[in-house]
Amino acid sequence: MDESTLREGLARLGIGSDDWRSVLVLPLVQVAWADTTIQGGERLRIAELSRELGANPTLVERWLTERPSNDELTLARQLIVAL
């Protein structure tokens, strides 16, 4: 994946180039949504890890409130591998 494709993929997820670390949180979000509900402890831990990673808190909160689509999660995994 070249840099242009990587940036386009991040943009499709609503992630700007300054917030690229946010994509690293999506696998955790996916696991948290596995039982169809985000538990309070999961939300707190993901928010804490997000801060440590330097992820965009607005994006992370959106993903914790509204489950990302399977296509978004697949794209996130591809982007993580490319990064």
N, C-alpha and C. Protein backbone atom coordinates (compact mmCIF):
# COMPACT_ATOMS: atom_id res chain seq x y z
N MET A 1 0.86 -1.17 0.00
CA MET A 1 0.00 0.00 0.00
C MET A 1 0.91 1.23 0.00
N ASP A 2 0.72 2.12 -0.98
CA ASP A 2 1.54 3.32 -1.03
C ASP A 2 0.95 4.41 -0.12
N GLU A 3 1.69 5.47 0.06
CA GLU A 3 1.29 6.52 1.00
C GLU A 3 -0.04 7.16 0.62
N SER A 4 -0.26 7.37 -0.66
CA SER A 4 -1.50 7.98 -1.12
C SER A 4 -2.71 7.10 -0.78
N THR A 5 -2.58 5.81 -1.02
CA THR A 5 -3.66 4.87 -0.71
C THR A 5 -3.89 4.80 0.79
N LEU A 6 -2.81 4.85 1.55
CA LEU A 6 -2.91 4.84 3.01
C LEU A 6 -3.67 6.06 3.49
N ARG A 7 -3.34 7.23 2.98
CA ARG A 7 -4.03 8.46 3.38
C ARG A 7 -5.51 8.42 2.98
N GLU A 8 -5.80 7.88 1.81
CA GLU A 8 -7.19 7.77 1.36
C GLU A 8 -7.98 6.83 2.28
N GLY A 9 -7.36 5.74 2.66
CA GLY A 9 -8.01 4.80 3.57
C GLY A 9 -8.29 5.42 4.92
N LEU A 10 -7.32 6.14 5.45
CA LEU A 10 -7.53 6.83 6.73
C LEU A 10 -8.67 7.84 6.60
N ALA A 11 -8.69 8.57 5.50
CA ALA A 11 -9.75 9.56 5.28
C ALA A 11 -11.12 8.90 5.22
N ARG A 12 -11.20 7.72 4.61
CA ARG A 12 -12.48 6.99 4.55
C ARG A 12 -13.00 6.65 5.94
N LEU A 13 -12.07 6.51 6.88
CA LEU A 13 -12.45 6.23 8.27
C LEU A 13 -12.65 7.50 9.09
N GLY A 14 -12.48 8.65 8.44
CA GLY A 14 -12.61 9.92 9.15
C GLY A 14 -11.38 10.30 9.94
N ILE A 15 -10.25 9.71 9.57
CA ILE A 15 -9.01 9.92 10.30
C ILE A 15 -8.08 10.80 9.46
N GLY A 16 -7.68 11.94 10.03
CA GLY A 16 -6.73 12.82 9.36
C GLY A 16 -5.32 12.31 9.55
N SER A 17 -4.40 12.81 8.77
CA SER A 17 -3.02 12.33 8.85
C SER A 17 -2.39 12.60 10.22
N ASP A 18 -2.85 13.64 10.92
CA ASP A 18 -2.32 13.92 12.25
C ASP A 18 -2.86 12.95 13.30
N ASP A 19 -3.98 12.29 12.99
CA ASP A 19 -4.63 11.38 13.93
C ASP A 19 -4.46 9.92 13.55
N TRP A 20 -3.44 9.59 12.77
CA TRP A 20 -3.30 8.23 12.25
C TRP A 20 -3.29 7.17 13.35
N ARG A 21 -2.86 7.53 14.55
CA ARG A 21 -2.81 6.56 15.65
C ARG A 21 -4.19 6.06 16.04
N SER A 22 -5.21 6.82 15.68
CA SER A 22 -6.58 6.44 16.01
C SER A 22 -6.95 5.09 15.41
N VAL A 23 -6.42 4.77 14.24
CA VAL A 23 -6.75 3.50 13.58
C VAL A 23 -6.30 2.32 14.44
N LEU A 24 -5.31 2.50 15.27
CA LEU A 24 -4.81 1.42 16.12
C LEU A 24 -5.82 0.99 17.17
N VAL A 25 -6.79 1.84 17.45
CA VAL A 25 -7.80 1.56 18.47
C VAL A 25 -8.93 0.69 17.93
N LEU A 26 -9.14 0.70 16.62
CA LEU A 26 -10.29 0.01 16.05
C LEU A 26 -10.34 -1.50 16.34
N PRO A 27 -9.24 -2.23 16.35
CA PRO A 27 -9.36 -3.65 16.74
C PRO A 27 -9.88 -3.83 18.17
N LEU A 28 -9.49 -2.94 19.07
CA LEU A 28 -10.01 -3.01 20.44
C LEU A 28 -11.50 -2.71 20.47
N VAL A 29 -11.90 -1.74 19.68
CA VAL A 29 -13.32 -1.38 19.58
C VAL A 29 -14.11 -2.57 19.03
N GLN A 30 -13.55 -3.23 18.03
CA GLN A 30 -14.23 -4.39 17.44
C GLN A 30 -14.46 -5.48 18.49
N VAL A 31 -13.47 -5.77 19.28
CA VAL A 31 -13.60 -6.79 20.33
C VAL A 31 -14.64 -6.35 21.36
N ALA A 32 -14.62 -5.08 21.71
CA ALA A 32 -15.59 -4.59 22.70
C ALA A 32 -17.03 -4.71 22.20
N TRP A 33 -17.22 -4.54 20.89
CA TRP A 33 -18.56 -4.66 20.30
C TRP A 33 -18.96 -6.11 20.05
N ALA A 34 -18.09 -7.08 20.28
CA ALA A 34 -18.36 -8.47 19.93
C ALA A 34 -19.64 -9.01 20.55
N ASP A 35 -19.98 -8.56 21.72
CA ASP A 35 -21.22 -9.03 22.36
C ASP A 35 -22.37 -8.05 22.15
N THR A 36 -22.24 -7.16 21.18
CA THR A 36 -23.24 -6.16 20.75
C THR A 36 -23.42 -4.99 21.70
N THR A 37 -22.69 -4.95 22.79
CA THR A 37 -22.79 -3.85 23.75
C THR A 37 -21.41 -3.52 24.31
N ILE A 38 -21.13 -2.24 24.40
CA ILE A 38 -19.88 -1.81 25.03
C ILE A 38 -20.13 -1.73 26.54
N GLN A 39 -19.35 -2.45 27.30
CA GLN A 39 -19.46 -2.42 28.75
C GLN A 39 -18.71 -1.20 29.29
N GLY A 40 -19.12 -0.74 30.47
CA GLY A 40 -18.50 0.44 31.07
C GLY A 40 -17.00 0.31 31.24
N GLY A 41 -16.56 -0.85 31.71
CA GLY A 41 -15.13 -1.09 31.89
C GLY A 41 -14.37 -1.09 30.57
N GLU A 42 -15.00 -1.65 29.55
CA GLU A 42 -14.37 -1.65 28.22
C GLU A 42 -14.21 -0.22 27.72
N ARG A 43 -15.26 0.56 27.87
CA ARG A 43 -15.23 1.96 27.41
C ARG A 43 -14.12 2.73 28.11
N LEU A 44 -14.02 2.57 29.41
CA LEU A 44 -13.00 3.30 30.18
C LEU A 44 -11.59 2.87 29.77
N ARG A 45 -11.37 1.58 29.61
CA ARG A 45 -10.04 1.08 29.26
C ARG A 45 -9.63 1.51 27.85
N ILE A 46 -10.59 1.43 26.91
CA ILE A 46 -10.28 1.85 25.55
C ILE A 46 -10.00 3.35 25.50
N ALA A 47 -10.76 4.12 26.25
CA ALA A 47 -10.52 5.57 26.30
C ALA A 47 -9.13 5.86 26.88
N GLU A 48 -8.77 5.12 27.92
CA GLU A 48 -7.45 5.30 28.54
C GLU A 48 -6.32 4.94 27.57
N LEU A 49 -6.44 3.81 26.91
CA LEU A 49 -5.43 3.40 25.94
C LEU A 49 -5.36 4.37 24.77
N SER A 50 -6.51 4.89 24.37
CA SER A 50 -6.56 5.86 23.27
C SER A 50 -5.76 7.10 23.61
N ARG A 51 -5.93 7.57 24.83
CA ARG A 51 -5.16 8.75 25.27
C ARG A 51 -3.67 8.45 25.25
N GLU A 52 -3.29 7.27 25.72
CA GLU A 52 -1.88 6.89 25.74
C GLU A 52 -1.30 6.81 24.33
N LEU A 53 -2.12 6.36 23.38
CA LEU A 53 -1.67 6.25 21.99
C LEU A 53 -1.67 7.59 21.26
N GLY A 54 -2.40 8.56 21.79
CA GLY A 54 -2.54 9.84 21.11
C GLY A 54 -3.63 9.82 20.06
N ALA A 55 -4.62 8.94 20.23
CA ALA A 55 -5.74 8.85 19.29
C ALA A 55 -6.69 10.03 19.48
N ASN A 56 -7.45 10.32 18.44
CA ASN A 56 -8.43 11.39 18.47
C ASN A 56 -9.60 10.97 19.36
N PRO A 57 -9.82 11.64 20.50
CA PRO A 57 -10.87 11.21 21.42
C PRO A 57 -12.28 11.30 20.83
N THR A 58 -12.51 12.24 19.94
CA THR A 58 -13.83 12.37 19.31
C THR A 58 -14.13 11.15 18.45
N LEU A 59 -13.15 10.72 17.67
CA LEU A 59 -13.32 9.53 16.84
C LEU A 59 -13.56 8.29 17.69
N VAL A 60 -12.76 8.13 18.71
CA VAL A 60 -12.88 6.96 19.57
C VAL A 60 -14.25 6.94 20.24
N GLU A 61 -14.72 8.06 20.72
CA GLU A 61 -16.03 8.12 21.36
C GLU A 61 -17.13 7.75 20.35
N ARG A 62 -16.99 8.21 19.12
CA ARG A 62 -17.98 7.86 18.09
C ARG A 62 -18.00 6.35 17.87
N TRP A 63 -16.82 5.73 17.78
CA TRP A 63 -16.74 4.28 17.56
C TRP A 63 -17.28 3.50 18.75
N LEU A 64 -17.16 4.07 19.94
CA LEU A 64 -17.69 3.40 21.13
C LEU A 64 -19.20 3.59 21.26
N THR A 65 -19.73 4.59 20.60
CA THR A 65 -21.16 4.87 20.65
C THR A 65 -21.91 4.19 19.51
N GLU A 66 -21.28 4.20 18.33
CA GLU A 66 -21.89 3.59 17.14
C GLU A 66 -20.89 2.60 16.55
N ARG A 67 -21.28 1.34 16.50
CA ARG A 67 -20.36 0.29 16.03
C ARG A 67 -19.91 0.56 14.60
N PRO A 68 -18.58 0.54 14.38
CA PRO A 68 -18.08 0.68 13.01
C PRO A 68 -18.56 -0.49 12.15
N SER A 69 -18.75 -0.24 10.87
CA SER A 69 -19.20 -1.30 9.96
C SER A 69 -18.09 -2.33 9.76
N ASN A 70 -18.49 -3.49 9.27
CA ASN A 70 -17.50 -4.53 8.97
C ASN A 70 -16.50 -4.05 7.93
N ASP A 71 -16.97 -3.28 6.95
CA ASP A 71 -16.06 -2.73 5.94
C ASP A 71 -15.03 -1.79 6.56
N GLU A 72 -15.47 -0.96 7.51
CA GLU A 72 -14.55 -0.05 8.19
C GLU A 72 -13.52 -0.83 9.00
N LEU A 73 -13.97 -1.86 9.67
CA LEU A 73 -13.05 -2.66 10.48
C LEU A 73 -12.05 -3.42 9.62
N THR A 74 -12.50 -3.92 8.48
CA THR A 74 -11.59 -4.60 7.55
C THR A 74 -10.56 -3.62 7.02
N LEU A 75 -11.02 -2.43 6.62
CA LEU A 75 -10.10 -1.40 6.13
C LEU A 75 -9.10 -1.03 7.22
N ALA A 76 -9.55 -0.89 8.45
CA ALA A 76 -8.66 -0.55 9.57
C ALA A 76 -7.55 -1.58 9.71
N ARG A 77 -7.90 -2.86 9.62
CA ARG A 77 -6.87 -3.91 9.75
C ARG A 77 -5.86 -3.81 8.61
N GLN A 78 -6.32 -3.54 7.40
CA GLN A 78 -5.42 -3.39 6.26
C GLN A 78 -4.48 -2.20 6.46
N LEU A 79 -5.02 -1.12 6.99
CA LEU A 79 -4.21 0.07 7.23
C LEU A 79 -3.18 -0.16 8.31
N ILE A 80 -3.56 -0.88 9.34
CA ILE A 80 -2.63 -1.18 10.43
C ILE A 80 -1.45 -2.00 9.91
N VAL A 81 -1.73 -2.98 9.07
CA VAL A 81 -0.66 -3.78 8.48
C VAL A 81 0.25 -2.89 7.65
N ALA A 82 -0.34 -1.98 6.88
CA ALA A 82 0.45 -1.09 6.03
C ALA A 82 1.30 -0.12 6.85
N LEU A 83 0.76 0.32 7.98
CA LEU A 83 1.51 1.24 8.81
C LEU A 83 2.73 0.56 9.41
